[in-house]
Amino acid sequence: MSNYSFSAPARQDLRQIKNYMAQFSLSAASRFLDAFEEKCCLLADFPEMGRSRQELAPSLRSLPVDKYVNLFGSPLIFWLLGLPCVLE
């Protein structure tokens, strides 16, 4: 199993996402972050998983987390709710 970590800006983005979602449902926010972390573990082991999004940008891929579509490339970058998150 590969390791991953979040950059400081990514951690801040995730806090903002959780805070935003928690305004509507704390349990939904927690479920989303759990699902997101699970996908990160999978991506650390299988960085080529997900759907190719070459039509949007070279080496861009997408992967759903809950009901959100997350876009990532190399280096592994996520866009969540319009906020960039970088995995180091």
C-alpha atoms as a PDB file:
ATOM      1  CA  MET A   1       0.000   0.000   0.000  1.00  0.00           C
ATOM      2  CA  SER A   2       1.438   3.360  -1.056  1.00  0.00           C
ATOM      3  CA  ASN A   3       1.460   6.398   1.177  1.00  0.00           C
ATOM      4  CA  TYR A   4       0.118   9.832   0.392  1.00  0.00           C
ATOM      5  CA  SER A   5      -0.028  13.154   2.170  1.00  0.00           C
ATOM      6  CA  PHE A   6      -1.798  16.439   1.578  1.00  0.00           C
ATOM      7  CA  SER A   7      -0.076  19.770   1.080  1.00  0.00           C
ATOM      8  CA  ALA A   8      -0.976  22.569   3.514  1.00  0.00           C
ATOM      9  CA  PRO A   9      -3.240  24.258   0.920  1.00  0.00           C
ATOM     10  CA  ALA A  10      -4.978  20.920   0.274  1.00  0.00           C
ATOM     11  CA  ARG A  11      -5.613  20.408   3.990  1.00  0.00           C
ATOM     12  CA  GLN A  12      -7.067  23.921   4.175  1.00  0.00           C
ATOM     13  CA  ASP A  13      -9.283  23.219   1.152  1.00  0.00           C
ATOM     14  CA  LEU A  14     -10.543  19.997   2.739  1.00  0.00           C
ATOM     15  CA  ARG A  15     -11.347  21.850   5.981  1.00  0.00           C
ATOM     16  CA  GLN A  16     -13.301  24.437   3.994  1.00  0.00           C
ATOM     17  CA  ILE A  17     -15.176  21.730   2.114  1.00  0.00           C
ATOM     18  CA  LYS A  18     -16.013  19.917   5.356  1.00  0.00           C
ATOM     19  CA  ASN A  19     -17.171  23.155   7.002  1.00  0.00           C
ATOM     20  CA  TYR A  20     -19.331  24.025   4.010  1.00  0.00           C
ATOM     21  CA  MET A  21     -20.920  20.562   3.854  1.00  0.00           C
ATOM     22  CA  ALA A  22     -21.363  20.424   7.641  1.00  0.00           C
ATOM     23  CA  GLN A  23     -23.650  23.459   7.454  1.00  0.00           C
ATOM     24  CA  PHE A  24     -26.155  21.135   5.808  1.00  0.00           C
ATOM     25  CA  SER A  25     -25.225  17.781   7.334  1.00  0.00           C
ATOM     26  CA  LEU A  26     -22.305  16.890   9.586  1.00  0.00           C
ATOM     27  CA  SER A  27     -22.762  13.189   8.884  1.00  0.00           C
ATOM     28  CA  ALA A  28     -22.730  13.796   5.114  1.00  0.00           C
ATOM     29  CA  ALA A  29     -19.534  15.842   5.444  1.00  0.00           C
ATOM     30  CA  SER A  30     -17.891  13.045   7.439  1.00  0.00           C
ATOM     31  CA  ARG A  31     -19.027  10.406   4.942  1.00  0.00           C
ATOM     32  CA  PHE A  32     -17.674  12.444   2.058  1.00  0.00           C
ATOM     33  CA  LEU A  33     -14.258  12.891   3.692  1.00  0.00           C
ATOM     34  CA  ASP A  34     -14.112   9.173   4.535  1.00  0.00           C
ATOM     35  CA  ALA A  35     -14.929   8.301   0.905  1.00  0.00           C
ATOM     36  CA  PHE A  36     -12.387  10.863  -0.321  1.00  0.00           C
ATOM     37  CA  GLU A  37      -9.637   9.371   1.865  1.00  0.00           C
ATOM     38  CA  GLU A  38     -10.534   5.888   0.633  1.00  0.00           C
ATOM     39  CA  LYS A  39     -10.171   7.065  -2.994  1.00  0.00           C
ATOM     40  CA  CYS A  40      -6.834   8.704  -2.140  1.00  0.00           C
ATOM     41  CA  CYS A  41      -5.552   5.380  -0.803  1.00  0.00           C
ATOM     42  CA  LEU A  42      -6.643   3.674  -4.014  1.00  0.00           C
ATOM     43  CA  LEU A  43      -5.088   6.376  -6.172  1.00  0.00           C
ATOM     44  CA  ALA A  44      -1.800   6.128  -4.292  1.00  0.00           C
ATOM     45  CA  ASP A  45      -1.689   2.442  -5.264  1.00  0.00           C
ATOM     46  CA  PHE A  46      -3.264   2.782  -8.721  1.00  0.00           C
ATOM     47  CA  PRO A  47      -2.546   6.287 -10.089  1.00  0.00           C
ATOM     48  CA  GLU A  48      -3.914   5.397 -13.530  1.00  0.00           C
ATOM     49  CA  MET A  49      -7.386   4.515 -12.273  1.00  0.00           C
ATOM     50  CA  GLY A  50     -10.357   6.614 -13.239  1.00  0.00           C
ATOM     51  CA  ARG A  51     -11.594   7.868 -16.576  1.00  0.00           C
ATOM     52  CA  SER A  52      -9.283   9.628 -19.017  1.00  0.00           C
ATOM     53  CA  ARG A  53     -10.236  13.276 -19.601  1.00  0.00           C
ATOM     54  CA  GLN A  54      -7.818  13.967 -22.450  1.00  0.00           C
ATOM     55  CA  GLU A  55     -10.529  16.111 -24.051  1.00  0.00           C
ATOM     56  CA  LEU A  56     -10.087  18.617 -21.205  1.00  0.00           C
ATOM     57  CA  ALA A  57      -6.314  18.486 -20.637  1.00  0.00           C
ATOM     58  CA  PRO A  58      -3.388  16.157 -21.276  1.00  0.00           C
ATOM     59  CA  SER A  59      -2.992  13.455 -18.587  1.00  0.00           C
ATOM     60  CA  LEU A  60      -6.179  14.575 -16.788  1.00  0.00           C
ATOM     61  CA  ARG A  61      -8.376  11.849 -15.284  1.00  0.00           C
ATOM     62  CA  SER A  62     -11.622  11.833 -13.290  1.00  0.00           C
ATOM     63  CA  LEU A  63     -12.891   9.696 -10.467  1.00  0.00           C
ATOM     64  CA  PRO A  64     -16.210   9.982  -8.630  1.00  0.00           C
ATOM     65  CA  VAL A  65     -16.279  10.388  -4.864  1.00  0.00           C
ATOM     66  CA  ASP A  66     -19.773  10.188  -3.494  1.00  0.00           C
ATOM     67  CA  LYS A  67     -21.810  12.343  -5.895  1.00  0.00           C
ATOM     68  CA  TYR A  68     -18.890  14.589  -6.887  1.00  0.00           C
ATOM     69  CA  VAL A  69     -16.539  14.160  -9.820  1.00  0.00           C
ATOM     70  CA  ASN A  70     -12.919  14.811  -8.931  1.00  0.00           C
ATOM     71  CA  LEU A  71     -10.344  15.647 -11.556  1.00  0.00           C
ATOM     72  CA  PHE A  72      -6.692  14.763 -11.142  1.00  0.00           C
ATOM     73  CA  GLY A  73      -3.523  14.539 -13.154  1.00  0.00           C
ATOM     74  CA  SER A  74       0.176  14.228 -12.695  1.00  0.00           C
ATOM     75  CA  PRO A  75       1.292  15.395 -10.229  1.00  0.00           C
ATOM     76  CA  LEU A  76      -1.819  14.159  -8.497  1.00  0.00           C
ATOM     77  CA  ILE A  77      -4.112  17.190  -8.280  1.00  0.00           C
ATOM     78  CA  PHE A  78      -7.773  17.224  -7.248  1.00  0.00           C
ATOM     79  CA  TRP A  79     -10.385  19.876  -7.915  1.00  0.00           C
ATOM     80  CA  LEU A  80     -13.135  19.627  -5.329  1.00  0.00           C
ATOM     81  CA  LEU A  81     -16.095  21.958  -5.445  1.00  0.00           C
ATOM     82  CA  GLY A  82     -13.962  24.322  -7.529  1.00  0.00           C
ATOM     83  CA  LEU A  83     -11.063  24.323  -5.046  1.00  0.00           C
ATOM     84  CA  PRO A  84      -7.652  22.957  -6.066  1.00  0.00           C
ATOM     85  CA  CYS A  85      -6.154  20.340  -3.744  1.00  0.00           C
ATOM     86  CA  VAL A  86      -2.659  18.990  -4.334  1.00  0.00           C
ATOM     87  CA  LEU A  87      -1.489  15.621  -3.078  1.00  0.00           C
ATOM     88  CA  GLU A  88       2.224  15.605  -2.311  1.00  0.00           C
END
